[in-house]
Amino acid sequence: KATLEENIMSAIRDRADYEMRRVAAL
């Protein structure tokens, strides 16, 4: 469960970083 939660949080952070980079690029 802890591993899944960490993976989900990592995926959320990666998506947030990607969106931030995309916003910055736009």
mmCIF file of all heavy atoms, coordinates in Angstrom:
data_MODEL
# 
_entry.id   MODEL 
# 
loop_
_atom_site.group_PDB 
_atom_site.id 
_atom_site.type_symbol 
_atom_site.label_atom_id 
_atom_site.label_alt_id 
_atom_site.label_comp_id 
_atom_site.label_asym_id 
_atom_site.label_entity_id 
_atom_site.label_seq_id 
_atom_site.pdbx_PDB_ins_code 
_atom_site.Cartn_x 
_atom_site.Cartn_y 
_atom_site.Cartn_z 
_atom_site.occupancy 
_atom_site.B_iso_or_equiv 
_atom_site.pdbx_formal_charge 
_atom_site.auth_seq_id 
_atom_site.auth_comp_id 
_atom_site.auth_asym_id 
_atom_site.auth_atom_id 
_atom_site.pdbx_PDB_model_num 
ATOM 1   N N   . LYS A 1 1  ? 0.825  -1.206 0.000   1.00 0.00 ? 1  LYS A N   1 
ATOM 2   C CA  . LYS A 1 1  ? 0.000  0.000  0.000   1.00 0.00 ? 1  LYS A CA  1 
ATOM 3   C C   . LYS A 1 1  ? 0.860  1.258  0.000   1.00 0.00 ? 1  LYS A C   1 
ATOM 4   O O   . LYS A 1 1  ? 0.593  2.231  -0.737  1.00 0.00 ? 1  LYS A O   1 
ATOM 5   C CB  . LYS A 1 1  ? -0.924 -0.021 1.210   1.00 0.00 ? 1  LYS A CB  1 
ATOM 6   C CG  . LYS A 1 1  ? -1.852 1.198  1.299   1.00 0.00 ? 1  LYS A CG  1 
ATOM 7   C CD  . LYS A 1 1  ? -2.687 1.162  2.576   1.00 0.00 ? 1  LYS A CD  1 
ATOM 8   C CE  . LYS A 1 1  ? -3.533 2.413  2.666   1.00 0.00 ? 1  LYS A CE  1 
ATOM 9   N NZ  . LYS A 1 1  ? -4.295 2.481  3.914   1.00 0.00 ? 1  LYS A NZ  1 
ATOM 10  N N   . ALA A 1 2  ? 1.930  1.225  0.842   1.00 0.00 ? 2  ALA A N   1 
ATOM 11  C CA  . ALA A 1 2  ? 2.825  2.386  0.897   1.00 0.00 ? 2  ALA A CA  1 
ATOM 12  C C   . ALA A 1 2  ? 3.507  2.604  -0.454  1.00 0.00 ? 2  ALA A C   1 
ATOM 13  O O   . ALA A 1 2  ? 3.677  3.739  -0.918  1.00 0.00 ? 2  ALA A O   1 
ATOM 14  C CB  . ALA A 1 2  ? 3.838  2.206  2.000   1.00 0.00 ? 2  ALA A CB  1 
ATOM 15  N N   . THR A 1 3  ? 3.909  1.476  -1.079  1.00 0.00 ? 3  THR A N   1 
ATOM 16  C CA  . THR A 1 3  ? 4.563  1.590  -2.392  1.00 0.00 ? 3  THR A CA  1 
ATOM 17  C C   . THR A 1 3  ? 3.610  2.183  -3.429  1.00 0.00 ? 3  THR A C   1 
ATOM 18  O O   . THR A 1 3  ? 3.985  3.059  -4.222  1.00 0.00 ? 3  THR A O   1 
ATOM 19  C CB  . THR A 1 3  ? 5.067  0.201  -2.836  1.00 0.00 ? 3  THR A CB  1 
ATOM 20  O OG1 . THR A 1 3  ? 5.953  -0.322 -1.840  1.00 0.00 ? 3  THR A OG1 1 
ATOM 21  C CG2 . THR A 1 3  ? 5.785  0.291  -4.148  1.00 0.00 ? 3  THR A CG2 1 
ATOM 22  N N   . LEU A 1 4  ? 2.366  1.703  -3.432  1.00 0.00 ? 4  LEU A N   1 
ATOM 23  C CA  . LEU A 1 4  ? 1.378  2.234  -4.380  1.00 0.00 ? 4  LEU A CA  1 
ATOM 24  C C   . LEU A 1 4  ? 1.110  3.713  -4.140  1.00 0.00 ? 4  LEU A C   1 
ATOM 25  O O   . LEU A 1 4  ? 1.013  4.522  -5.081  1.00 0.00 ? 4  LEU A O   1 
ATOM 26  C CB  . LEU A 1 4  ? 0.084  1.432  -4.279  1.00 0.00 ? 4  LEU A CB  1 
ATOM 27  C CG  . LEU A 1 4  ? 0.132  -0.015 -4.855  1.00 0.00 ? 4  LEU A CG  1 
ATOM 28  C CD1 . LEU A 1 4  ? -1.145 -0.774 -4.512  1.00 0.00 ? 4  LEU A CD1 1 
ATOM 29  C CD2 . LEU A 1 4  ? 0.363  0.024  -6.356  1.00 0.00 ? 4  LEU A CD2 1 
ATOM 30  N N   . GLU A 1 5  ? 0.997  4.051  -2.839  1.00 0.00 ? 5  GLU A N   1 
ATOM 31  C CA  . GLU A 1 5  ? 0.780  5.471  -2.544  1.00 0.00 ? 5  GLU A CA  1 
ATOM 32  C C   . GLU A 1 5  ? 1.942  6.328  -3.006  1.00 0.00 ? 5  GLU A C   1 
ATOM 33  O O   . GLU A 1 5  ? 1.752  7.434  -3.546  1.00 0.00 ? 5  GLU A O   1 
ATOM 34  C CB  . GLU A 1 5  ? 0.537  5.645  -1.054  1.00 0.00 ? 5  GLU A CB  1 
ATOM 35  C CG  . GLU A 1 5  ? -0.802 5.092  -0.582  1.00 0.00 ? 5  GLU A CG  1 
ATOM 36  C CD  . GLU A 1 5  ? -0.968 5.209  0.918   1.00 0.00 ? 5  GLU A CD  1 
ATOM 37  O OE1 . GLU A 1 5  ? 0.043  5.573  1.571   1.00 0.00 ? 5  GLU A OE1 1 
ATOM 38  O OE2 . GLU A 1 5  ? -2.089 4.984  1.430   1.00 0.00 ? 5  GLU A OE2 1 
ATOM 39  N N   . GLU A 1 6  ? 3.173  5.814  -2.784  1.00 0.00 ? 6  GLU A N   1 
ATOM 40  C CA  . GLU A 1 6  ? 4.351  6.563  -3.239  1.00 0.00 ? 6  GLU A CA  1 
ATOM 41  C C   . GLU A 1 6  ? 4.368  6.693  -4.758  1.00 0.00 ? 6  GLU A C   1 
ATOM 42  O O   . GLU A 1 6  ? 4.695  7.762  -5.313  1.00 0.00 ? 6  GLU A O   1 
ATOM 43  C CB  . GLU A 1 6  ? 5.615  5.863  -2.738  1.00 0.00 ? 6  GLU A CB  1 
ATOM 44  C CG  . GLU A 1 6  ? 6.899  6.580  -3.093  1.00 0.00 ? 6  GLU A CG  1 
ATOM 45  C CD  . GLU A 1 6  ? 7.007  7.938  -2.420  1.00 0.00 ? 6  GLU A CD  1 
ATOM 46  O OE1 . GLU A 1 6  ? 6.397  8.135  -1.349  1.00 0.00 ? 6  GLU A OE1 1 
ATOM 47  O OE2 . GLU A 1 6  ? 7.698  8.815  -2.976  1.00 0.00 ? 6  GLU A OE2 1 
ATOM 48  N N   . ASN A 1 7  ? 4.008  5.603  -5.451  1.00 0.00 ? 7  ASN A N   1 
ATOM 49  C CA  . ASN A 1 7  ? 3.993  5.655  -6.920  1.00 0.00 ? 7  ASN A CA  1 
ATOM 50  C C   . ASN A 1 7  ? 2.936  6.655  -7.424  1.00 0.00 ? 7  ASN A C   1 
ATOM 51  O O   . ASN A 1 7  ? 3.182  7.422  -8.369  1.00 0.00 ? 7  ASN A O   1 
ATOM 52  C CB  . ASN A 1 7  ? 3.704  4.265  -7.490  1.00 0.00 ? 7  ASN A CB  1 
ATOM 53  C CG  . ASN A 1 7  ? 4.862  3.307  -7.260  1.00 0.00 ? 7  ASN A CG  1 
ATOM 54  O OD1 . ASN A 1 7  ? 6.008  3.728  -7.111  1.00 0.00 ? 7  ASN A OD1 1 
ATOM 55  N ND2 . ASN A 1 7  ? 4.579  1.995  -7.215  1.00 0.00 ? 7  ASN A ND2 1 
ATOM 56  N N   . ILE A 1 8  ? 1.773  6.618  -6.768  1.00 0.00 ? 8  ILE A N   1 
ATOM 57  C CA  . ILE A 1 8  ? 0.718  7.561  -7.183  1.00 0.00 ? 8  ILE A CA  1 
ATOM 58  C C   . ILE A 1 8  ? 1.151  8.998  -6.928  1.00 0.00 ? 8  ILE A C   1 
ATOM 59  O O   . ILE A 1 8  ? 0.973  9.893  -7.776  1.00 0.00 ? 8  ILE A O   1 
ATOM 60  C CB  . ILE A 1 8  ? -0.593 7.227  -6.452  1.00 0.00 ? 8  ILE A CB  1 
ATOM 61  C CG1 . ILE A 1 8  ? -1.152 5.887  -6.966  1.00 0.00 ? 8  ILE A CG1 1 
ATOM 62  C CG2 . ILE A 1 8  ? -1.618 8.337  -6.650  1.00 0.00 ? 8  ILE A CG2 1 
ATOM 63  C CD1 . ILE A 1 8  ? -2.347 5.375  -6.188  1.00 0.00 ? 8  ILE A CD1 1 
ATOM 64  N N   . MET A 1 9  ? 1.745  9.267  -5.741  1.00 0.00 ? 9  MET A N   1 
ATOM 65  C CA  . MET A 1 9  ? 2.216  10.616 -5.445  1.00 0.00 ? 9  MET A CA  1 
ATOM 66  C C   . MET A 1 9  ? 3.315  11.045 -6.411  1.00 0.00 ? 9  MET A C   1 
ATOM 67  O O   . MET A 1 9  ? 3.367  12.203 -6.851  1.00 0.00 ? 9  MET A O   1 
ATOM 68  C CB  . MET A 1 9  ? 2.706  10.683 -3.999  1.00 0.00 ? 9  MET A CB  1 
ATOM 69  C CG  . MET A 1 9  ? 1.595  10.541 -2.964  1.00 0.00 ? 9  MET A CG  1 
ATOM 70  S SD  . MET A 1 9  ? 0.323  11.811 -3.115  1.00 0.00 ? 9  MET A SD  1 
ATOM 71  C CE  . MET A 1 9  ? 1.270  13.278 -2.796  1.00 0.00 ? 9  MET A CE  1 
ATOM 72  N N   . SER A 1 10 ? 4.218  10.083 -6.752  1.00 0.00 ? 10 SER A N   1 
ATOM 73  C CA  . SER A 1 10 ? 5.277  10.402 -7.713  1.00 0.00 ? 10 SER A CA  1 
ATOM 74  C C   . SER A 1 10 ? 4.695  10.726 -9.084  1.00 0.00 ? 10 SER A C   1 
ATOM 75  O O   . SER A 1 10 ? 5.123  11.677 -9.763  1.00 0.00 ? 10 SER A O   1 
ATOM 76  C CB  . SER A 1 10 ? 6.247  9.229  -7.811  1.00 0.00 ? 10 SER A CB  1 
ATOM 77  O OG  . SER A 1 10 ? 7.235  9.503  -8.794  1.00 0.00 ? 10 SER A OG  1 
ATOM 78  N N   . ALA A 1 11 ? 3.675  9.923  -9.476  1.00 0.00 ? 11 ALA A N   1 
ATOM 79  C CA  . ALA A 1 11 ? 3.039  10.201 -10.768 1.00 0.00 ? 11 ALA A CA  1 
ATOM 80  C C   . ALA A 1 11 ? 2.334  11.559 -10.761 1.00 0.00 ? 11 ALA A C   1 
ATOM 81  O O   . ALA A 1 11 ? 2.393  12.322 -11.739 1.00 0.00 ? 11 ALA A O   1 
ATOM 82  C CB  . ALA A 1 11 ? 2.043  9.091  -11.099 1.00 0.00 ? 11 ALA A CB  1 
ATOM 83  N N   . ILE A 1 12 ? 1.685  11.883 -9.627  1.00 0.00 ? 12 ILE A N   1 
ATOM 84  C CA  . ILE A 1 12 ? 1.013  13.187 -9.528  1.00 0.00 ? 12 ILE A CA  1 
ATOM 85  C C   . ILE A 1 12 ? 2.025  14.319 -9.605  1.00 0.00 ? 12 ILE A C   1 
ATOM 86  O O   . ILE A 1 12 ? 1.809  15.343 -10.276 1.00 0.00 ? 12 ILE A O   1 
ATOM 87  C CB  . ILE A 1 12 ? 0.180  13.252 -8.232  1.00 0.00 ? 12 ILE A CB  1 
ATOM 88  C CG1 . ILE A 1 12 ? -1.009 12.273 -8.339  1.00 0.00 ? 12 ILE A CG1 1 
ATOM 89  C CG2 . ILE A 1 12 ? -0.307 14.666 -7.965  1.00 0.00 ? 12 ILE A CG2 1 
ATOM 90  C CD1 . ILE A 1 12 ? -1.792 12.133 -7.051  1.00 0.00 ? 12 ILE A CD1 1 
ATOM 91  N N   . ARG A 1 13 ? 3.181  14.129 -8.879  1.00 0.00 ? 13 ARG A N   1 
ATOM 92  C CA  . ARG A 1 13 ? 4.208  15.187 -8.922  1.00 0.00 ? 13 ARG A CA  1 
ATOM 93  C C   . ARG A 1 13 ? 4.777  15.335 -10.339 1.00 0.00 ? 13 ARG A C   1 
ATOM 94  O O   . ARG A 1 13 ? 5.008  16.455 -10.813 1.00 0.00 ? 13 ARG A O   1 
ATOM 95  C CB  . ARG A 1 13 ? 5.311  14.852 -7.918  1.00 0.00 ? 13 ARG A CB  1 
ATOM 96  C CG  . ARG A 1 13 ? 4.950  15.123 -6.460  1.00 0.00 ? 13 ARG A CG  1 
ATOM 97  C CD  . ARG A 1 13 ? 6.186  15.093 -5.565  1.00 0.00 ? 13 ARG A CD  1 
ATOM 98  N NE  . ARG A 1 13 ? 6.775  13.744 -5.547  1.00 0.00 ? 13 ARG A NE  1 
ATOM 99  C CZ  . ARG A 1 13 ? 6.464  12.813 -4.660  1.00 0.00 ? 13 ARG A CZ  1 
ATOM 100 N NH1 . ARG A 1 13 ? 5.549  13.077 -3.720  1.00 0.00 ? 13 ARG A NH1 1 
ATOM 101 N NH2 . ARG A 1 13 ? 7.040  11.616 -4.675  1.00 0.00 ? 13 ARG A NH2 1 
ATOM 102 N N   . ASP A 1 14 ? 4.994  14.155 -10.986 1.00 0.00 ? 14 ASP A N   1 
ATOM 103 C CA  . ASP A 1 14 ? 5.513  14.232 -12.360 1.00 0.00 ? 14 ASP A CA  1 
ATOM 104 C C   . ASP A 1 14 ? 4.524  14.942 -13.293 1.00 0.00 ? 14 ASP A C   1 
ATOM 105 O O   . ASP A 1 14 ? 4.910  15.765 -14.134 1.00 0.00 ? 14 ASP A O   1 
ATOM 106 C CB  . ASP A 1 14 ? 5.802  12.831 -12.890 1.00 0.00 ? 14 ASP A CB  1 
ATOM 107 C CG  . ASP A 1 14 ? 6.966  12.163 -12.161 1.00 0.00 ? 14 ASP A CG  1 
ATOM 108 O OD1 . ASP A 1 14 ? 7.756  12.920 -11.544 1.00 0.00 ? 14 ASP A OD1 1 
ATOM 109 O OD2 . ASP A 1 14 ? 7.077  10.926 -12.225 1.00 0.00 ? 14 ASP A OD2 1 
ATOM 110 N N   . ARG A 1 15 ? 3.247  14.617 -13.117 1.00 0.00 ? 15 ARG A N   1 
ATOM 111 C CA  . ARG A 1 15 ? 2.228  15.281 -13.965 1.00 0.00 ? 15 ARG A CA  1 
ATOM 112 C C   . ARG A 1 15 ? 2.156  16.774 -13.674 1.00 0.00 ? 15 ARG A C   1 
ATOM 113 O O   . ARG A 1 15 ? 2.017  17.602 -14.593 1.00 0.00 ? 15 ARG A O   1 
ATOM 114 C CB  . ARG A 1 15 ? 0.876  14.616 -13.719 1.00 0.00 ? 15 ARG A CB  1 
ATOM 115 C CG  . ARG A 1 15 ? -0.241 15.099 -14.645 1.00 0.00 ? 15 ARG A CG  1 
ATOM 116 C CD  . ARG A 1 15 ? 0.112  14.827 -16.106 1.00 0.00 ? 15 ARG A CD  1 
ATOM 117 N NE  . ARG A 1 15 ? -0.905 15.318 -17.000 1.00 0.00 ? 15 ARG A NE  1 
ATOM 118 C CZ  . ARG A 1 15 ? -1.917 14.575 -17.443 1.00 0.00 ? 15 ARG A CZ  1 
ATOM 119 N NH1 . ARG A 1 15 ? -2.019 13.298 -17.069 1.00 0.00 ? 15 ARG A NH1 1 
ATOM 120 N NH2 . ARG A 1 15 ? -2.788 15.077 -18.278 1.00 0.00 ? 15 ARG A NH2 1 
ATOM 121 N N   . ALA A 1 16 ? 2.259  17.113 -12.382 1.00 0.00 ? 16 ALA A N   1 
ATOM 122 C CA  . ALA A 1 16 ? 2.234  18.537 -12.022 1.00 0.00 ? 16 ALA A CA  1 
ATOM 123 C C   . ALA A 1 16 ? 3.441  19.264 -12.600 1.00 0.00 ? 16 ALA A C   1 
ATOM 124 O O   . ALA A 1 16 ? 3.325  20.390 -13.124 1.00 0.00 ? 16 ALA A O   1 
ATOM 125 C CB  . ALA A 1 16 ? 2.180  18.692 -10.508 1.00 0.00 ? 16 ALA A CB  1 
ATOM 126 N N   . ASP A 1 17 ? 4.632  18.604 -12.512 1.00 0.00 ? 17 ASP A N   1 
ATOM 127 C CA  . ASP A 1 17 ? 5.833  19.228 -13.102 1.00 0.00 ? 17 ASP A CA  1 
ATOM 128 C C   . ASP A 1 17 ? 5.671  19.392 -14.610 1.00 0.00 ? 17 ASP A C   1 
ATOM 129 O O   . ASP A 1 17 ? 6.053  20.421 -15.194 1.00 0.00 ? 17 ASP A O   1 
ATOM 130 C CB  . ASP A 1 17 ? 7.058  18.375 -12.784 1.00 0.00 ? 17 ASP A CB  1 
ATOM 131 C CG  . ASP A 1 17 ? 7.409  18.393 -11.294 1.00 0.00 ? 17 ASP A CG  1 
ATOM 132 O OD1 . ASP A 1 17 ? 6.959  19.345 -10.600 1.00 0.00 ? 17 ASP A OD1 1 
ATOM 133 O OD2 . ASP A 1 17 ? 8.102  17.473 -10.834 1.00 0.00 ? 17 ASP A OD2 1 
ATOM 134 N N   . TYR A 1 18 ? 5.123  18.341 -15.238 1.00 0.00 ? 18 TYR A N   1 
ATOM 135 C CA  . TYR A 1 18 ? 4.917  18.418 -16.700 1.00 0.00 ? 18 TYR A CA  1 
ATOM 136 C C   . TYR A 1 18 ? 3.964  19.548 -17.061 1.00 0.00 ? 18 TYR A C   1 
ATOM 137 O O   . TYR A 1 18 ? 4.209  20.320 -18.015 1.00 0.00 ? 18 TYR A O   1 
ATOM 138 C CB  . TYR A 1 18 ? 4.383  17.067 -17.205 1.00 0.00 ? 18 TYR A CB  1 
ATOM 139 C CG  . TYR A 1 18 ? 3.951  17.109 -18.645 1.00 0.00 ? 18 TYR A CG  1 
ATOM 140 C CD1 . TYR A 1 18 ? 4.892  17.121 -19.674 1.00 0.00 ? 18 TYR A CD1 1 
ATOM 141 C CD2 . TYR A 1 18 ? 2.592  17.165 -18.983 1.00 0.00 ? 18 TYR A CD2 1 
ATOM 142 C CE1 . TYR A 1 18 ? 4.490  17.159 -20.992 1.00 0.00 ? 18 TYR A CE1 1 
ATOM 143 C CE2 . TYR A 1 18 ? 2.187  17.213 -20.304 1.00 0.00 ? 18 TYR A CE2 1 
ATOM 144 C CZ  . TYR A 1 18 ? 3.138  17.213 -21.310 1.00 0.00 ? 18 TYR A CZ  1 
ATOM 145 O OH  . TYR A 1 18 ? 2.752  17.257 -22.614 1.00 0.00 ? 18 TYR A OH  1 
ATOM 146 N N   . GLU A 1 19 ? 2.874  19.658 -16.281 1.00 0.00 ? 19 GLU A N   1 
ATOM 147 C CA  . GLU A 1 19 ? 1.926  20.740 -16.560 1.00 0.00 ? 19 GLU A CA  1 
ATOM 148 C C   . GLU A 1 19 ? 2.551  22.102 -16.329 1.00 0.00 ? 19 GLU A C   1 
ATOM 149 O O   . GLU A 1 19 ? 2.305  23.051 -17.079 1.00 0.00 ? 19 GLU A O   1 
ATOM 150 C CB  . GLU A 1 19 ? 0.674  20.566 -15.691 1.00 0.00 ? 19 GLU A CB  1 
ATOM 151 C CG  . GLU A 1 19 ? -0.169 19.334 -16.017 1.00 0.00 ? 19 GLU A CG  1 
ATOM 152 C CD  . GLU A 1 19 ? -0.731 19.373 -17.417 1.00 0.00 ? 19 GLU A CD  1 
ATOM 153 O OE1 . GLU A 1 19 ? -0.927 20.496 -17.956 1.00 0.00 ? 19 GLU A OE1 1 
ATOM 154 O OE2 . GLU A 1 19 ? -0.979 18.296 -18.005 1.00 0.00 ? 19 GLU A OE2 1 
ATOM 155 N N   . MET A 1 20 ? 3.374  22.191 -15.270 1.00 0.00 ? 20 MET A N   1 
ATOM 156 C CA  . MET A 1 20 ? 4.044  23.475 -15.017 1.00 0.00 ? 20 MET A CA  1 
ATOM 157 C C   . MET A 1 20 ? 5.000  23.822 -16.148 1.00 0.00 ? 20 MET A C   1 
ATOM 158 O O   . MET A 1 20 ? 5.071  24.980 -16.584 1.00 0.00 ? 20 MET A O   1 
ATOM 159 C CB  . MET A 1 20 ? 4.786  23.419 -13.675 1.00 0.00 ? 20 MET A CB  1 
ATOM 160 C CG  . MET A 1 20 ? 3.852  23.367 -12.454 1.00 0.00 ? 20 MET A CG  1 
ATOM 161 S SD  . MET A 1 20 ? 4.751  23.279 -10.895 1.00 0.00 ? 20 MET A SD  1 
ATOM 162 C CE  . MET A 1 20 ? 5.617  24.838 -10.923 1.00 0.00 ? 20 MET A CE  1 
ATOM 163 N N   . ARG A 1 21 ? 5.755  22.787 -16.604 1.00 0.00 ? 21 ARG A N   1 
ATOM 164 C CA  . ARG A 1 21 ? 6.668  23.046 -17.726 1.00 0.00 ? 21 ARG A CA  1 
ATOM 165 C C   . ARG A 1 21 ? 5.885  23.440 -18.985 1.00 0.00 ? 21 ARG A C   1 
ATOM 166 O O   . ARG A 1 21 ? 6.311  24.314 -19.745 1.00 0.00 ? 21 ARG A O   1 
ATOM 167 C CB  . ARG A 1 21 ? 7.521  21.818 -17.992 1.00 0.00 ? 21 ARG A CB  1 
ATOM 168 C CG  . ARG A 1 21 ? 8.584  21.553 -16.926 1.00 0.00 ? 21 ARG A CG  1 
ATOM 169 C CD  . ARG A 1 21 ? 9.605  20.536 -17.422 1.00 0.00 ? 21 ARG A CD  1 
ATOM 170 N NE  . ARG A 1 21 ? 8.985  19.250 -17.767 1.00 0.00 ? 21 ARG A NE  1 
ATOM 171 C CZ  . ARG A 1 21 ? 8.819  18.246 -16.906 1.00 0.00 ? 21 ARG A CZ  1 
ATOM 172 N NH1 . ARG A 1 21 ? 9.220  18.403 -15.634 1.00 0.00 ? 21 ARG A NH1 1 
ATOM 173 N NH2 . ARG A 1 21 ? 8.259  17.121 -17.282 1.00 0.00 ? 21 ARG A NH2 1 
ATOM 174 N N   . ARG A 1 22 ? 4.752  22.776 -19.179 1.00 0.00 ? 22 ARG A N   1 
ATOM 175 C CA  . ARG A 1 22 ? 3.940  23.096 -20.347 1.00 0.00 ? 22 ARG A CA  1 
ATOM 176 C C   . ARG A 1 22 ? 3.381  24.521 -20.259 1.00 0.00 ? 22 ARG A C   1 
ATOM 177 O O   . ARG A 1 22 ? 3.370  25.268 -21.255 1.00 0.00 ? 22 ARG A O   1 
ATOM 178 C CB  . ARG A 1 22 ? 2.798  22.099 -20.460 1.00 0.00 ? 22 ARG A CB  1 
ATOM 179 C CG  . ARG A 1 22 ? 1.972  22.266 -21.725 1.00 0.00 ? 22 ARG A CG  1 
ATOM 180 C CD  . ARG A 1 22 ? 0.913  21.195 -21.835 1.00 0.00 ? 22 ARG A CD  1 
ATOM 181 N NE  . ARG A 1 22 ? 0.114  21.392 -23.032 1.00 0.00 ? 22 ARG A NE  1 
ATOM 182 C CZ  . ARG A 1 22 ? -0.933 20.651 -23.372 1.00 0.00 ? 22 ARG A CZ  1 
ATOM 183 N NH1 . ARG A 1 22 ? -1.296 19.633 -22.556 1.00 0.00 ? 22 ARG A NH1 1 
ATOM 184 N NH2 . ARG A 1 22 ? -1.613 20.885 -24.464 1.00 0.00 ? 22 ARG A NH2 1 
ATOM 185 N N   . VAL A 1 23 ? 2.908  24.895 -19.056 1.00 0.00 ? 23 VAL A N   1 
ATOM 186 C CA  . VAL A 1 23 ? 2.418  26.259 -18.863 1.00 0.00 ? 23 VAL A CA  1 
ATOM 187 C C   . VAL A 1 23 ? 3.531  27.271 -19.121 1.00 0.00 ? 23 VAL A C   1 
ATOM 188 O O   . VAL A 1 23 ? 3.331  28.308 -19.779 1.00 0.00 ? 23 VAL A O   1 
ATOM 189 C CB  . VAL A 1 23 ? 1.827  26.417 -17.452 1.00 0.00 ? 23 VAL A CB  1 
ATOM 190 C CG1 . VAL A 1 23 ? 1.556  27.890 -17.139 1.00 0.00 ? 23 VAL A CG1 1 
ATOM 191 C CG2 . VAL A 1 23 ? 0.546  25.608 -17.312 1.00 0.00 ? 23 VAL A CG2 1 
ATOM 192 N N   . ALA A 1 24 ? 4.737  26.958 -18.593 1.00 0.00 ? 24 ALA A N   1 
ATOM 193 C CA  . ALA A 1 24 ? 5.872  27.863 -18.813 1.00 0.00 ? 24 ALA A CA  1 
ATOM 194 C C   . ALA A 1 24 ? 6.203  27.965 -20.300 1.00 0.00 ? 24 ALA A C   1 
ATOM 195 O O   . ALA A 1 24 ? 6.497  29.066 -20.828 1.00 0.00 ? 24 ALA A O   1 
ATOM 196 C CB  . ALA A 1 24 ? 7.087  27.391 -18.020 1.00 0.00 ? 24 ALA A CB  1 
ATOM 197 N N   . ALA A 1 25 ? 6.150  26.807 -21.007 1.00 0.00 ? 25 ALA A N   1 
ATOM 198 C CA  . ALA A 1 25 ? 6.433  26.816 -22.447 1.00 0.00 ? 25 ALA A CA  1 
ATOM 199 C C   . ALA A 1 25 ? 5.383  27.629 -23.201 1.00 0.00 ? 25 ALA A C   1 
ATOM 200 O O   . ALA A 1 25 ? 5.699  28.410 -24.121 1.00 0.00 ? 25 ALA A O   1 
ATOM 201 C CB  . ALA A 1 25 ? 6.492  25.375 -22.978 1.00 0.00 ? 25 ALA A CB  1 
ATOM 202 N N   . LEU A 1 26 ? 4.094  27.452 -22.803 1.00 0.00 ? 26 LEU A N   1 
ATOM 203 C CA  . LEU A 1 26 ? 3.040  28.225 -23.467 1.00 0.00 ? 26 LEU A CA  1 
ATOM 204 C C   . LEU A 1 26 ? 3.178  29.722 -23.198 1.00 0.00 ? 26 LEU A C   1 
ATOM 205 O O   . LEU A 1 26 ? 2.971  30.549 -24.092 1.00 0.00 ? 26 LEU A O   1 
ATOM 206 C CB  . LEU A 1 26 ? 1.671  27.737 -22.992 1.00 0.00 ? 26 LEU A CB  1 
ATOM 207 C CG  . LEU A 1 26 ? 1.250  26.334 -23.486 1.00 0.00 ? 26 LEU A CG  1 
ATOM 208 C CD1 . LEU A 1 26 ? -0.068 25.932 -22.832 1.00 0.00 ? 26 LEU A CD1 1 
ATOM 209 C CD2 . LEU A 1 26 ? 1.125  26.314 -24.998 1.00 0.00 ? 26 LEU A CD2 1 
# 
